[in-house]
N, C-alpha and C. Protein backbone atom coordinates (compact mmCIF):
# COMPACT_ATOMS: atom_id res chain seq x y z
N MET A 1 2.24 9.80 2.63
CA MET A 1 2.47 9.28 0.57
C MET A 1 4.05 8.91 1.42
N ARG A 2 4.26 8.65 0.12
CA ARG A 2 5.76 8.61 -0.72
C ARG A 2 5.76 8.40 -2.04
N VAL A 3 7.22 8.76 -2.75
CA VAL A 3 6.74 9.40 -3.76
C VAL A 3 7.86 8.95 -4.00
N ALA A 4 8.40 8.45 -5.62
CA ALA A 4 9.76 7.93 -6.03
C ALA A 4 9.52 7.67 -7.63
N GLN A 5 10.93 8.35 -7.95
CA GLN A 5 11.40 9.14 -9.42
C GLN A 5 12.07 8.52 -10.47
N THR A 6 11.82 7.83 -11.29
CA THR A 6 11.53 6.66 -12.19
C THR A 6 11.80 7.53 -13.58
N ALA A 7 12.74 7.02 -14.15
CA ALA A 7 12.80 7.24 -15.68
C ALA A 7 11.86 7.74 -16.58
N TYR A 8 10.59 6.87 -16.36
CA TYR A 8 9.78 6.81 -16.85
C TYR A 8 8.41 7.49 -16.12
N GLY A 9 8.03 7.84 -15.02
CA GLY A 9 7.55 8.35 -14.49
C GLY A 9 7.74 8.47 -13.08
N VAL A 10 6.46 9.02 -12.01
CA VAL A 10 6.59 9.00 -11.09
C VAL A 10 5.88 7.74 -10.93
N ILE A 11 6.46 7.21 -9.66
CA ILE A 11 5.49 6.13 -8.04
C ILE A 11 4.78 6.62 -7.32
N ILE A 12 3.46 6.68 -7.02
CA ILE A 12 3.17 6.47 -5.81
C ILE A 12 2.85 5.95 -4.77
N PHE A 13 2.93 6.14 -2.99
CA PHE A 13 2.74 4.84 -2.40
C PHE A 13 1.87 5.70 -1.38
N GLY A 14 0.61 4.73 -0.62
CA GLY A 14 0.11 5.99 -0.60
C GLY A 14 -1.15 5.39 1.14
N LYS A 15 -1.60 5.66 1.83
CA LYS A 15 -2.62 5.08 3.04
C LYS A 15 -3.55 5.54 2.50
N LEU A 16 -4.92 4.64 2.28
CA LEU A 16 -6.19 5.60 1.99
C LEU A 16 -7.02 4.92 3.45
N ARG A 17 -7.38 6.01 4.01
CA ARG A 17 -7.97 5.42 5.33
C ARG A 17 -9.18 5.08 4.82
N ILE A 18 -9.87 3.55 5.65
CA ILE A 18 -11.43 2.95 5.81
C ILE A 18 -12.09 2.83 7.41
N PRO A 19 -13.46 2.69 7.13
CA PRO A 19 -13.65 2.28 8.38
C PRO A 19 -13.43 1.48 9.09
N ALA A 20 -13.33 1.29 10.79
CA ALA A 20 -12.49 0.89 11.26
C ALA A 20 -14.00 0.49 12.75
N ALA A 21 -13.87 -0.35 13.34
CA ALA A 21 -14.63 -0.50 14.50
C ALA A 21 -14.63 0.59 15.66
N PRO A 22 -14.51 1.07 16.27
CA PRO A 22 -14.08 2.18 16.92
C PRO A 22 -12.94 1.10 17.93
N GLU A 23 -12.87 0.49 18.89
CA GLU A 23 -12.18 -0.50 19.54
C GLU A 23 -10.41 0.04 18.70
N SER A 24 -11.00 -0.45 17.87
CA SER A 24 -9.48 -0.82 16.64
C SER A 24 -8.84 -0.17 16.24
N GLY A 25 -9.29 1.54 16.58
CA GLY A 25 -9.02 2.88 16.05
C GLY A 25 -8.70 2.78 14.28
N PRO A 26 -8.27 4.52 13.57
CA PRO A 26 -8.10 3.81 12.28
C PRO A 26 -7.76 2.93 11.55
N SER A 27 -7.84 2.28 10.41
CA SER A 27 -7.21 1.14 9.34
C SER A 27 -6.89 1.60 8.44
N TYR A 28 -6.79 1.43 7.21
CA TYR A 28 -5.84 1.96 6.04
C TYR A 28 -5.74 1.21 4.37
N ILE A 29 -5.41 1.04 4.45
CA ILE A 29 -4.90 0.03 2.81
C ILE A 29 -3.60 0.70 2.63
N HIS A 30 -3.21 0.20 2.33
CA HIS A 30 -2.14 0.53 1.61
C HIS A 30 -1.89 0.34 -0.38
N PHE A 31 -1.93 1.87 -0.38
CA PHE A 31 -2.25 1.38 -2.18
C PHE A 31 -0.58 1.98 -3.01
N ARG A 32 -0.86 1.60 -4.44
CA ARG A 32 0.49 1.97 -5.08
C ARG A 32 -0.50 2.35 -6.56
N ALA A 33 0.48 3.69 -6.52
CA ALA A 33 -0.06 4.40 -8.46
C ALA A 33 1.04 4.57 -8.70
N PHE A 34 0.94 4.94 -10.46
CA PHE A 34 1.83 5.23 -10.90
C PHE A 34 0.75 6.92 -11.84
N ASP A 35 2.17 7.88 -11.94
CA ASP A 35 1.55 9.15 -12.35
C ASP A 35 2.93 9.48 -14.00
N GLY A 36 2.64 8.95 -15.70
CA GLY A 36 3.92 9.08 -15.90
C GLY A 36 4.03 11.23 -16.67
N GLY A 37 3.33 11.53 -16.37
CA GLY A 37 3.67 12.82 -16.52
C GLY A 37 2.33 14.00 -17.07
N PRO A 38 2.73 15.13 -17.43
CA PRO A 38 1.84 15.44 -17.77
C PRO A 38 1.22 15.09 -19.50
N ASN A 39 1.16 14.52 -20.03
CA ASN A 39 0.21 14.05 -21.03
C ASN A 39 -0.36 12.51 -20.54
N SER A 40 0.07 12.01 -18.98
CA SER A 40 -1.25 10.84 -19.35
C SER A 40 -1.76 10.96 -18.20
N GLU A 41 -2.59 9.89 -17.90
CA GLU A 41 -3.58 10.38 -16.83
C GLU A 41 -2.43 9.21 -15.54
N HIS A 42 -2.85 9.37 -13.89
CA HIS A 42 -2.68 8.53 -13.07
C HIS A 42 -3.46 7.10 -13.00
N LYS A 43 -2.93 6.54 -13.06
CA LYS A 43 -3.00 5.43 -13.46
C LYS A 43 -3.32 4.81 -11.40
N PHE A 44 -4.54 3.93 -11.05
CA PHE A 44 -4.09 2.34 -9.69
C PHE A 44 -3.32 1.90 -10.81
N HIS A 45 -1.94 1.50 -9.61
CA HIS A 45 -1.22 0.11 -10.51
C HIS A 45 -1.81 -1.41 -9.05
N SER A 46 -1.97 -1.15 -7.11
CA SER A 46 -1.98 -2.11 -6.44
C SER A 46 -2.20 -1.96 -5.29
N PHE A 47 -2.78 -2.73 -4.70
CA PHE A 47 -2.73 -2.72 -3.31
C PHE A 47 -1.57 -3.79 -2.41
N TYR A 48 -0.97 -3.45 -1.29
CA TYR A 48 0.11 -4.68 -0.84
C TYR A 48 -0.92 -5.17 0.03
N THR A 49 0.03 -6.59 -0.62
CA THR A 49 -0.98 -7.65 0.99
C THR A 49 0.51 -8.20 2.11
N GLU A 50 0.14 -7.55 2.22
CA GLU A 50 1.88 -8.78 3.58
C GLU A 50 1.25 -10.22 3.52
N GLU A 51 2.48 -10.87 3.54
CA GLU A 51 2.23 -12.59 3.27
C GLU A 51 3.67 -12.71 4.73
N LYS A 52 3.27 -13.50 5.47
CA LYS A 52 4.10 -14.17 6.69
C LYS A 52 3.55 -15.82 6.83
N GLU A 53 4.94 -16.11 6.96
CA GLU A 53 5.20 -17.33 7.44
C GLU A 53 4.95 -17.60 8.50
N ASP A 54 3.55 -18.91 9.13
CA ASP A 54 3.80 -18.98 10.31
C ASP A 54 4.12 -20.06 10.64
N GLU A 55 4.28 -20.48 12.10
CA GLU A 55 5.39 -21.78 12.79
C GLU A 55 4.99 -22.70 12.14
N SER A 56 3.68 -23.18 12.16
CA SER A 56 3.99 -24.63 11.26
C SER A 56 4.34 -24.36 9.72
N GLY A 57 4.79 -23.63 9.20
CA GLY A 57 5.14 -23.56 8.16
C GLY A 57 4.11 -22.53 6.14
N GLY A 58 2.83 -22.81 7.08
CA GLY A 58 1.73 -22.00 6.20
C GLY A 58 1.67 -20.60 6.48
N LYS A 59 1.40 -19.54 5.28
CA LYS A 59 0.87 -18.80 5.54
C LYS A 59 -0.30 -17.57 5.67
N THR A 60 -0.18 -16.27 6.44
CA THR A 60 -1.14 -15.91 6.66
C THR A 60 -1.17 -14.62 6.21
N TYR A 61 -2.17 -14.62 5.45
CA TYR A 61 -1.71 -12.81 4.91
C TYR A 61 -2.98 -11.41 5.35
N ARG A 62 -2.10 -10.17 5.16
CA ARG A 62 -2.91 -8.96 5.67
C ARG A 62 -3.11 -7.98 4.28
N ALA A 63 -3.75 -7.20 4.71
CA ALA A 63 -4.33 -6.17 3.72
C ALA A 63 -4.50 -5.27 4.16
N ILE A 64 -5.29 -5.05 5.57
CA ILE A 64 -5.58 -4.30 6.21
C ILE A 64 -4.66 -3.79 7.44
N PHE A 65 -4.22 -2.33 7.87
CA PHE A 65 -2.82 -1.62 8.60
C PHE A 65 -3.61 -0.96 9.02
N THR A 66 -2.74 -0.88 10.72
CA THR A 66 -2.99 0.18 11.31
C THR A 66 -2.56 1.50 11.21
N GLN A 67 -2.44 2.93 11.76
CA GLN A 67 -1.24 3.54 11.82
C GLN A 67 -0.38 3.06 11.86
N LYS A 68 -0.07 2.54 12.86
CA LYS A 68 1.73 2.57 13.11
C LYS A 68 2.12 1.74 11.70
N ASP A 69 1.89 1.30 11.47
CA ASP A 69 2.38 0.50 10.06
C ASP A 69 2.96 1.07 8.88
N GLU A 70 4.35 0.97 9.04
CA GLU A 70 4.76 1.69 7.84
C GLU A 70 4.69 1.92 6.04
N LEU A 71 4.55 3.11 5.63
CA LEU A 71 4.30 2.41 4.62
C LEU A 71 6.15 3.07 3.78
N ASP A 72 6.29 1.03 3.36
CA ASP A 72 7.66 1.03 3.06
C ASP A 72 6.75 0.82 1.21
N TRP A 73 7.89 0.96 0.18
CA TRP A 73 8.12 0.33 -0.96
C TRP A 73 7.12 -1.32 -1.34
N PHE A 74 6.62 -1.75 -1.73
CA PHE A 74 6.22 -2.19 -1.90
C PHE A 74 6.17 -3.00 -3.58
N ASP A 75 6.49 -4.27 -4.17
CA ASP A 75 6.26 -4.28 -5.37
C ASP A 75 4.88 -5.52 -5.99
N SER A 76 4.27 -4.51 -6.42
CA SER A 76 3.20 -6.15 -6.94
C SER A 76 1.97 -6.46 -7.84
């Protein structure tokens, strides 16, 4: 989990473990949530989807990550 303080509240980044095939090990979805303070609710903001360009110029997307994948800041 990672936390970033902003002028309007706290942004929370986390890894949510999901069931995986035993041979591939634990899998995770990276998410972003927001906490506006003591008088507001915690709110889900988004899931992270990695976008990569392949050799042919097309794009591939990934939303399920491994334990080794770093949890970094993302805007979505």
